[in-house]
N, C-alpha and C. Protein backbone atom coordinates (compact mmCIF):
# COMPACT_ATOMS: atom_id res chain seq x y z
N UNK A 1 75.68 -16.40 -13.95
CA UNK A 1 75.33 -17.74 -13.63
C UNK A 1 74.01 -17.79 -12.85
N UNK A 2 73.88 -16.85 -11.95
CA UNK A 2 72.66 -16.82 -11.18
C UNK A 2 71.46 -16.59 -12.08
N UNK A 3 71.54 -15.68 -12.99
CA UNK A 3 70.41 -15.39 -13.86
C UNK A 3 70.09 -16.59 -14.74
N UNK A 4 71.15 -17.30 -15.11
CA UNK A 4 70.91 -18.49 -15.93
C UNK A 4 70.21 -19.57 -15.11
N UNK A 5 70.58 -19.77 -13.89
CA UNK A 5 69.95 -20.74 -13.00
C UNK A 5 68.51 -20.32 -12.69
N UNK A 6 68.34 -19.05 -12.44
CA UNK A 6 67.02 -18.51 -12.16
C UNK A 6 66.10 -18.68 -13.37
N UNK A 7 66.60 -18.43 -14.56
CA UNK A 7 65.84 -18.59 -15.80
C UNK A 7 65.46 -20.04 -16.01
N UNK A 8 66.38 -20.95 -15.72
CA UNK A 8 66.09 -22.38 -15.85
C UNK A 8 65.00 -22.82 -14.88
N UNK A 9 65.04 -22.32 -13.66
CA UNK A 9 64.03 -22.66 -12.67
C UNK A 9 62.65 -22.14 -13.09
N UNK A 10 62.62 -20.95 -13.59
CA UNK A 10 61.34 -20.39 -14.07
C UNK A 10 60.82 -21.21 -15.23
N UNK A 11 61.70 -21.57 -16.14
CA UNK A 11 61.30 -22.38 -17.29
C UNK A 11 60.81 -23.75 -16.85
N UNK A 12 61.49 -24.38 -15.92
CA UNK A 12 61.05 -25.68 -15.41
C UNK A 12 59.70 -25.56 -14.68
N UNK A 13 59.53 -24.49 -13.92
CA UNK A 13 58.27 -24.27 -13.21
C UNK A 13 57.12 -24.07 -14.19
N UNK A 14 57.36 -23.30 -15.23
CA UNK A 14 56.34 -23.06 -16.24
C UNK A 14 55.99 -24.35 -16.96
N UNK A 15 56.99 -25.15 -17.27
CA UNK A 15 56.78 -26.43 -17.94
C UNK A 15 55.98 -27.37 -17.04
N UNK A 16 56.29 -27.37 -15.75
CA UNK A 16 55.59 -28.26 -14.82
C UNK A 16 54.11 -27.87 -14.70
N UNK A 17 53.83 -26.57 -14.62
CA UNK A 17 52.45 -26.13 -14.47
C UNK A 17 51.62 -26.29 -15.74
N UNK A 18 52.24 -26.15 -16.88
CA UNK A 18 51.49 -26.31 -18.13
C UNK A 18 51.28 -27.77 -18.48
N UNK A 19 52.09 -28.66 -17.96
CA UNK A 19 51.96 -30.08 -18.26
C UNK A 19 50.88 -30.75 -17.42
N UNK A 20 50.50 -30.16 -16.30
CA UNK A 20 49.48 -30.74 -15.42
C UNK A 20 48.08 -30.43 -15.96
N UNK A 21 47.23 -31.43 -15.95
CA UNK A 21 45.85 -31.15 -16.37
C UNK A 21 45.17 -30.26 -15.33
N UNK A 22 44.38 -29.29 -15.79
CA UNK A 22 43.72 -28.37 -14.87
C UNK A 22 42.35 -28.86 -14.42
N UNK A 23 41.78 -29.80 -15.14
CA UNK A 23 40.48 -30.34 -14.76
C UNK A 23 40.54 -31.85 -14.73
N UNK A 24 39.66 -32.43 -13.97
CA UNK A 24 39.58 -33.87 -13.87
C UNK A 24 38.74 -34.37 -15.06
N UNK A 25 39.30 -35.21 -15.94
CA UNK A 25 38.53 -35.65 -17.10
C UNK A 25 37.29 -36.46 -16.73
N UNK A 26 37.29 -37.11 -15.57
CA UNK A 26 36.12 -37.86 -15.15
C UNK A 26 34.96 -36.93 -14.80
N UNK A 27 35.25 -35.78 -14.24
CA UNK A 27 34.19 -34.83 -13.92
C UNK A 27 33.58 -34.24 -15.18
N UNK A 28 34.38 -34.03 -16.19
CA UNK A 28 33.87 -33.44 -17.43
C UNK A 28 33.03 -34.41 -18.24
N UNK A 29 33.17 -35.69 -17.97
CA UNK A 29 32.41 -36.66 -18.75
C UNK A 29 30.94 -36.70 -18.35
N UNK A 30 30.61 -36.10 -17.20
CA UNK A 30 29.21 -36.07 -16.78
C UNK A 30 28.44 -35.09 -17.64
N UNK A 31 27.21 -35.44 -17.92
CA UNK A 31 26.36 -34.56 -18.71
C UNK A 31 25.81 -33.46 -17.81
N UNK A 32 25.66 -32.27 -18.34
CA UNK A 32 25.09 -31.20 -17.53
C UNK A 32 23.63 -31.49 -17.21
N UNK A 33 23.18 -30.96 -16.09
CA UNK A 33 21.80 -31.16 -15.69
C UNK A 33 20.87 -30.47 -16.66
N UNK A 34 19.79 -31.14 -17.00
CA UNK A 34 18.80 -30.55 -17.90
C UNK A 34 17.49 -30.44 -17.16
N UNK A 35 16.71 -29.45 -17.50
CA UNK A 35 15.40 -29.31 -16.88
C UNK A 35 14.38 -30.02 -17.76
N UNK A 36 13.40 -30.60 -17.12
CA UNK A 36 12.36 -31.29 -17.87
C UNK A 36 11.48 -30.28 -18.57
N UNK A 37 10.95 -30.68 -19.70
CA UNK A 37 10.04 -29.80 -20.43
C UNK A 37 8.75 -29.68 -19.65
N UNK A 38 8.15 -28.51 -19.73
CA UNK A 38 6.90 -28.27 -19.01
C UNK A 38 5.79 -29.13 -19.60
N UNK A 39 4.98 -29.64 -18.71
CA UNK A 39 3.85 -30.45 -19.15
C UNK A 39 2.70 -29.53 -19.54
N UNK A 40 1.69 -30.10 -20.14
CA UNK A 40 0.52 -29.34 -20.56
C UNK A 40 -0.13 -28.64 -19.38
N UNK A 41 -0.04 -29.23 -18.20
CA UNK A 41 -0.66 -28.63 -17.03
C UNK A 41 0.02 -27.34 -16.61
N UNK A 42 1.18 -27.03 -17.15
CA UNK A 42 1.87 -25.80 -16.82
C UNK A 42 1.53 -24.68 -17.79
N UNK A 43 0.40 -24.80 -18.49
CA UNK A 43 0.00 -23.78 -19.45
C UNK A 43 -0.22 -22.43 -18.79
N UNK A 44 -0.55 -22.43 -17.48
CA UNK A 44 -0.80 -21.16 -16.82
C UNK A 44 0.45 -20.28 -16.84
N UNK A 45 1.63 -20.87 -16.96
CA UNK A 45 2.87 -20.10 -17.02
C UNK A 45 3.34 -19.84 -18.44
N UNK A 46 2.68 -20.41 -19.42
CA UNK A 46 3.09 -20.25 -20.81
C UNK A 46 2.94 -18.79 -21.23
N UNK A 47 3.90 -18.33 -21.99
CA UNK A 47 3.90 -16.94 -22.42
C UNK A 47 2.67 -16.63 -23.27
N UNK A 48 2.30 -17.52 -24.18
CA UNK A 48 1.15 -17.25 -25.04
C UNK A 48 -0.15 -17.21 -24.25
N UNK A 49 -0.27 -18.05 -23.22
CA UNK A 49 -1.47 -18.01 -22.39
C UNK A 49 -1.54 -16.70 -21.61
N UNK A 50 -0.43 -16.30 -21.01
CA UNK A 50 -0.40 -15.06 -20.24
C UNK A 50 -0.68 -13.85 -21.13
N UNK A 51 -0.18 -13.88 -22.36
CA UNK A 51 -0.43 -12.77 -23.29
C UNK A 51 -1.92 -12.72 -23.65
N UNK A 52 -2.52 -13.89 -23.94
CA UNK A 52 -3.94 -13.95 -24.25
C UNK A 52 -4.77 -13.45 -23.07
N UNK A 53 -4.44 -13.91 -21.89
CA UNK A 53 -5.18 -13.53 -20.70
C UNK A 53 -5.07 -12.03 -20.45
N UNK A 54 -3.91 -11.46 -20.67
CA UNK A 54 -3.73 -10.02 -20.51
C UNK A 54 -4.60 -9.23 -21.48
N UNK A 55 -4.64 -9.68 -22.73
CA UNK A 55 -5.49 -9.00 -23.73
C UNK A 55 -6.97 -9.15 -23.37
N UNK A 56 -7.36 -10.34 -22.92
CA UNK A 56 -8.76 -10.58 -22.54
C UNK A 56 -9.15 -9.71 -21.35
N UNK A 57 -8.31 -9.66 -20.34
CA UNK A 57 -8.60 -8.83 -19.16
C UNK A 57 -8.76 -7.37 -19.54
N UNK A 58 -7.87 -6.89 -20.39
CA UNK A 58 -7.93 -5.50 -20.81
C UNK A 58 -9.20 -5.22 -21.62
N UNK A 59 -9.57 -6.12 -22.52
CA UNK A 59 -10.77 -5.94 -23.33
C UNK A 59 -12.03 -5.97 -22.47
N UNK A 60 -12.10 -6.87 -21.51
CA UNK A 60 -13.27 -6.96 -20.63
C UNK A 60 -13.36 -5.72 -19.76
N UNK A 61 -12.25 -5.28 -19.23
CA UNK A 61 -12.24 -4.09 -18.37
C UNK A 61 -12.73 -2.86 -19.14
N UNK A 62 -12.39 -2.79 -20.42
CA UNK A 62 -12.80 -1.67 -21.27
C UNK A 62 -14.17 -1.88 -21.92
N UNK A 63 -14.80 -3.03 -21.68
CA UNK A 63 -16.08 -3.40 -22.31
C UNK A 63 -15.97 -3.35 -23.82
N UNK A 64 -14.83 -3.77 -24.34
CA UNK A 64 -14.59 -3.79 -25.79
C UNK A 64 -15.20 -5.06 -26.37
N UNK A 65 -16.46 -4.95 -26.78
CA UNK A 65 -17.23 -6.09 -27.25
C UNK A 65 -16.58 -6.75 -28.46
N UNK A 66 -16.06 -5.96 -29.38
CA UNK A 66 -15.45 -6.52 -30.59
C UNK A 66 -14.19 -7.33 -30.26
N UNK A 67 -13.35 -6.80 -29.37
CA UNK A 67 -12.12 -7.52 -29.00
C UNK A 67 -12.45 -8.81 -28.25
N UNK A 68 -13.41 -8.74 -27.32
CA UNK A 68 -13.80 -9.94 -26.56
C UNK A 68 -14.40 -10.97 -27.50
N UNK A 69 -15.25 -10.54 -28.43
CA UNK A 69 -15.88 -11.47 -29.37
C UNK A 69 -14.83 -12.18 -30.23
N UNK A 70 -13.78 -11.49 -30.58
CA UNK A 70 -12.72 -12.11 -31.39
C UNK A 70 -11.95 -13.17 -30.61
N UNK A 71 -11.99 -13.11 -29.29
CA UNK A 71 -11.27 -14.06 -28.45
C UNK A 71 -12.13 -15.23 -27.99
N UNK A 72 -13.41 -15.21 -28.32
CA UNK A 72 -14.35 -16.25 -27.86
C UNK A 72 -14.47 -17.40 -28.86
N UNK A 73 -14.90 -18.53 -28.33
CA UNK A 73 -15.26 -19.65 -29.21
C UNK A 73 -16.63 -19.34 -29.82
N UNK A 74 -16.94 -20.02 -30.91
CA UNK A 74 -18.24 -19.79 -31.57
C UNK A 74 -19.41 -20.23 -30.69
N UNK A 75 -19.20 -21.27 -29.90
CA UNK A 75 -20.27 -21.78 -29.03
C UNK A 75 -20.02 -21.38 -27.58
N UNK A 76 -19.60 -20.14 -27.37
CA UNK A 76 -19.29 -19.64 -26.03
C UNK A 76 -20.46 -19.87 -25.09
N UNK A 77 -20.18 -20.47 -23.94
CA UNK A 77 -21.22 -20.76 -22.95
C UNK A 77 -21.35 -19.63 -21.95
N UNK A 78 -22.56 -19.09 -21.78
CA UNK A 78 -22.75 -18.00 -20.84
C UNK A 78 -23.86 -18.24 -19.82
N UNK A 79 -24.56 -19.36 -19.95
CA UNK A 79 -25.62 -19.66 -19.00
C UNK A 79 -25.80 -21.17 -18.94
N UNK A 80 -25.95 -21.70 -17.70
CA UNK A 80 -26.16 -23.14 -17.55
C UNK A 80 -27.64 -23.50 -17.54
N UNK A 81 -28.45 -22.71 -16.81
CA UNK A 81 -29.88 -23.01 -16.71
C UNK A 81 -30.67 -21.76 -17.00
N UNK A 82 -31.46 -21.69 -18.03
CA UNK A 82 -31.44 -22.59 -19.17
C UNK A 82 -30.13 -22.39 -19.94
N UNK A 83 -29.74 -23.42 -20.62
CA UNK A 83 -28.46 -23.41 -21.33
C UNK A 83 -28.43 -22.28 -22.35
N UNK A 84 -27.35 -21.51 -22.30
CA UNK A 84 -27.20 -20.42 -23.26
C UNK A 84 -25.79 -20.43 -23.82
N UNK A 85 -25.70 -20.44 -25.15
CA UNK A 85 -24.38 -20.40 -25.79
C UNK A 85 -24.52 -19.69 -27.13
N UNK A 86 -23.40 -19.28 -27.65
CA UNK A 86 -23.40 -18.60 -28.94
C UNK A 86 -23.80 -17.15 -28.83
N UNK A 87 -24.54 -16.62 -29.82
CA UNK A 87 -24.91 -15.21 -29.82
C UNK A 87 -25.81 -14.86 -28.63
N UNK A 88 -25.80 -13.61 -28.25
CA UNK A 88 -26.63 -13.16 -27.15
C UNK A 88 -25.88 -12.96 -25.86
N UNK A 89 -24.63 -13.31 -25.83
CA UNK A 89 -23.85 -13.25 -24.60
C UNK A 89 -23.70 -11.82 -24.11
N UNK A 90 -23.42 -10.87 -24.96
CA UNK A 90 -23.19 -9.49 -24.52
C UNK A 90 -24.48 -8.85 -24.01
N UNK A 91 -25.59 -9.16 -24.65
CA UNK A 91 -26.88 -8.67 -24.19
C UNK A 91 -27.18 -9.24 -22.81
N UNK A 92 -26.90 -10.52 -22.62
CA UNK A 92 -27.11 -11.18 -21.33
C UNK A 92 -26.25 -10.54 -20.25
N UNK A 93 -24.98 -10.27 -20.57
CA UNK A 93 -24.10 -9.63 -19.59
C UNK A 93 -24.57 -8.23 -19.25
N UNK A 94 -25.03 -7.49 -20.25
CA UNK A 94 -25.52 -6.13 -20.01
C UNK A 94 -26.78 -6.15 -19.16
N UNK A 95 -27.73 -7.02 -19.49
CA UNK A 95 -29.01 -7.10 -18.76
C UNK A 95 -28.80 -7.51 -17.30
N UNK A 96 -27.81 -8.35 -17.04
CA UNK A 96 -27.58 -8.87 -15.69
C UNK A 96 -26.39 -8.22 -14.98
N UNK A 97 -25.88 -7.16 -15.56
CA UNK A 97 -24.74 -6.41 -14.97
C UNK A 97 -23.59 -7.34 -14.60
N UNK A 98 -23.18 -8.17 -15.53
CA UNK A 98 -22.15 -9.18 -15.26
C UNK A 98 -20.73 -8.76 -15.65
N UNK A 99 -20.57 -7.59 -16.26
CA UNK A 99 -19.23 -7.18 -16.67
C UNK A 99 -18.29 -7.05 -15.47
N UNK A 100 -18.80 -6.52 -14.36
CA UNK A 100 -17.97 -6.37 -13.16
C UNK A 100 -17.60 -7.75 -12.60
N UNK A 101 -18.56 -8.66 -12.59
CA UNK A 101 -18.30 -10.02 -12.10
C UNK A 101 -17.29 -10.73 -13.00
N UNK A 102 -17.44 -10.57 -14.31
CA UNK A 102 -16.50 -11.16 -15.26
C UNK A 102 -15.10 -10.60 -15.06
N UNK A 103 -15.01 -9.30 -14.87
CA UNK A 103 -13.72 -8.65 -14.62
C UNK A 103 -13.07 -9.22 -13.37
N UNK A 104 -13.86 -9.44 -12.33
CA UNK A 104 -13.33 -9.99 -11.07
C UNK A 104 -12.85 -11.43 -11.23
N UNK A 105 -13.61 -12.24 -11.95
CA UNK A 105 -13.22 -13.65 -12.13
C UNK A 105 -11.96 -13.74 -12.99
N UNK A 106 -11.87 -12.91 -14.03
CA UNK A 106 -10.68 -12.94 -14.89
C UNK A 106 -9.44 -12.45 -14.15
N UNK A 107 -9.62 -11.70 -13.08
CA UNK A 107 -8.48 -11.24 -12.28
C UNK A 107 -7.90 -12.35 -11.42
N UNK A 108 -8.66 -13.42 -11.25
CA UNK A 108 -8.20 -14.58 -10.46
C UNK A 108 -7.11 -15.34 -11.21
N UNK A 109 -6.43 -16.21 -10.46
CA UNK A 109 -5.40 -17.08 -11.06
C UNK A 109 -6.09 -18.22 -11.80
N UNK A 110 -5.58 -18.54 -12.97
CA UNK A 110 -6.11 -19.65 -13.77
C UNK A 110 -5.30 -20.91 -13.50
N UNK A 111 -6.00 -22.03 -13.41
CA UNK A 111 -5.36 -23.33 -13.18
C UNK A 111 -5.94 -24.35 -14.16
N UNK A 112 -5.21 -25.42 -14.43
CA UNK A 112 -5.73 -26.42 -15.37
C UNK A 112 -6.85 -27.27 -14.77
N UNK A 113 -7.84 -27.55 -15.60
CA UNK A 113 -8.91 -28.50 -15.26
C UNK A 113 -9.36 -29.13 -16.56
N UNK A 114 -9.14 -30.43 -16.68
CA UNK A 114 -9.43 -31.18 -17.91
C UNK A 114 -8.70 -30.50 -19.08
N UNK A 115 -9.42 -30.09 -20.09
CA UNK A 115 -8.78 -29.46 -21.26
C UNK A 115 -8.88 -27.94 -21.20
N UNK A 116 -9.25 -27.41 -20.06
CA UNK A 116 -9.44 -25.97 -19.89
C UNK A 116 -8.47 -25.40 -18.87
N UNK A 117 -8.26 -24.10 -18.97
CA UNK A 117 -7.65 -23.33 -17.90
C UNK A 117 -8.81 -22.58 -17.28
N UNK A 118 -9.00 -22.73 -15.97
CA UNK A 118 -10.19 -22.18 -15.32
C UNK A 118 -9.82 -21.24 -14.18
N UNK A 119 -10.74 -20.33 -13.91
CA UNK A 119 -10.63 -19.43 -12.76
C UNK A 119 -12.02 -19.33 -12.16
N UNK A 120 -12.13 -19.20 -10.89
CA UNK A 120 -11.09 -19.19 -9.87
C UNK A 120 -10.56 -20.59 -9.61
N UNK A 121 -9.42 -20.69 -8.94
CA UNK A 121 -8.81 -22.00 -8.70
C UNK A 121 -9.69 -22.96 -7.90
N UNK A 122 -10.60 -22.43 -7.08
CA UNK A 122 -11.48 -23.29 -6.28
C UNK A 122 -12.34 -24.18 -7.17
N UNK A 123 -12.67 -23.72 -8.36
CA UNK A 123 -13.50 -24.51 -9.26
C UNK A 123 -12.79 -25.79 -9.70
N UNK A 124 -11.48 -25.73 -9.83
CA UNK A 124 -10.71 -26.90 -10.27
C UNK A 124 -10.49 -27.89 -9.14
N UNK A 125 -10.69 -27.47 -7.90
CA UNK A 125 -10.47 -28.33 -6.74
C UNK A 125 -11.67 -29.27 -6.58
N UNK A 126 -11.40 -30.57 -6.73
CA UNK A 126 -12.49 -31.55 -6.65
C UNK A 126 -13.08 -31.65 -5.25
N UNK A 127 -12.31 -31.28 -4.22
CA UNK A 127 -12.80 -31.34 -2.86
C UNK A 127 -13.75 -30.17 -2.55
N UNK A 128 -13.66 -29.15 -3.35
CA UNK A 128 -14.50 -27.97 -3.16
C UNK A 128 -15.80 -28.11 -3.95
N UNK A 129 -16.87 -27.64 -3.37
CA UNK A 129 -18.17 -27.66 -4.06
C UNK A 129 -18.46 -26.25 -4.57
N UNK A 130 -17.52 -25.68 -5.29
CA UNK A 130 -17.66 -24.31 -5.78
C UNK A 130 -18.79 -24.22 -6.80
N UNK A 131 -19.70 -23.26 -6.60
CA UNK A 131 -20.81 -23.10 -7.55
C UNK A 131 -21.03 -21.65 -7.97
N UNK A 132 -20.00 -20.82 -7.80
CA UNK A 132 -20.11 -19.42 -8.20
C UNK A 132 -19.73 -19.22 -9.66
N UNK A 133 -19.51 -17.97 -10.04
CA UNK A 133 -19.10 -17.67 -11.41
C UNK A 133 -17.73 -18.24 -11.68
N UNK A 134 -17.55 -18.72 -12.90
CA UNK A 134 -16.27 -19.29 -13.31
C UNK A 134 -16.07 -19.06 -14.80
N UNK A 135 -14.80 -19.00 -15.16
CA UNK A 135 -14.44 -18.78 -16.56
C UNK A 135 -13.53 -19.89 -17.03
N UNK A 136 -13.66 -20.22 -18.30
CA UNK A 136 -12.82 -21.26 -18.88
C UNK A 136 -12.21 -20.81 -20.20
N UNK A 137 -10.95 -21.10 -20.35
CA UNK A 137 -10.21 -20.79 -21.57
C UNK A 137 -9.60 -22.08 -22.05
N UNK A 138 -9.65 -22.31 -23.35
CA UNK A 138 -9.06 -23.55 -23.86
C UNK A 138 -8.31 -23.28 -25.15
N UNK A 139 -7.37 -24.17 -25.44
CA UNK A 139 -6.58 -24.07 -26.66
C UNK A 139 -7.33 -24.80 -27.78
N UNK A 140 -7.58 -24.07 -28.87
CA UNK A 140 -8.25 -24.65 -30.04
C UNK A 140 -7.39 -24.36 -31.26
N UNK A 141 -6.97 -25.42 -31.93
CA UNK A 141 -6.11 -25.30 -33.12
C UNK A 141 -4.88 -24.44 -32.85
N UNK A 142 -4.28 -24.59 -31.68
CA UNK A 142 -3.05 -23.89 -31.34
C UNK A 142 -3.24 -22.50 -30.79
N UNK A 143 -4.47 -22.01 -30.72
CA UNK A 143 -4.74 -20.66 -30.20
C UNK A 143 -5.64 -20.75 -28.97
N UNK A 144 -5.44 -19.82 -28.05
CA UNK A 144 -6.30 -19.77 -26.88
C UNK A 144 -7.61 -19.09 -27.23
N UNK A 145 -8.70 -19.63 -26.67
CA UNK A 145 -10.04 -19.07 -26.89
C UNK A 145 -10.79 -19.04 -25.56
N UNK A 146 -11.53 -17.98 -25.35
CA UNK A 146 -12.40 -17.82 -24.20
C UNK A 146 -13.63 -18.68 -24.45
N UNK A 147 -13.82 -19.74 -23.65
CA UNK A 147 -14.83 -20.75 -23.95
C UNK A 147 -16.14 -20.59 -23.15
N UNK A 148 -16.05 -20.13 -21.89
CA UNK A 148 -17.28 -19.98 -21.12
C UNK A 148 -17.09 -19.06 -19.93
N UNK A 149 -18.19 -18.48 -19.50
CA UNK A 149 -18.30 -17.73 -18.26
C UNK A 149 -19.71 -17.98 -17.75
N UNK A 150 -19.80 -18.84 -16.74
CA UNK A 150 -21.12 -19.28 -16.24
C UNK A 150 -21.18 -19.22 -14.73
N UNK A 151 -22.36 -19.37 -14.19
CA UNK A 151 -22.60 -19.41 -12.77
C UNK A 151 -23.36 -20.69 -12.45
N UNK A 152 -23.02 -21.28 -11.28
CA UNK A 152 -23.80 -22.43 -10.84
C UNK A 152 -23.18 -23.72 -10.95
């Protein structure tokens, strides 16, 4: 008799626990939190930008003219006064020993400015009157391109 009573109590207990809802249905009706999609200004964290920048830094450090040329825009700007763009950039860098300066600027953090990602970050700061060497990279037809490296 005892075992029968004990079995009934266990069965009733199991029935009671399985019949109770384990979660509050009102809590489950809430949508999970979603993160906002990154804006264009967050390109500095984009994987494709970081990969391009890594390849560019490596090519510049190695003075790999062919690799750097493949990453540049056709109208690459390399001098402001007098204006210089397009062919002649590597000769200009060699004559003025600018490879070390270019390597240093590319080592800086890039930040958005207009349609470019620029380094150093001081150049993008409107409160700063930065007039040193600066580099710009921009997205053209879905691909990143090295657009300019100028001084002044």
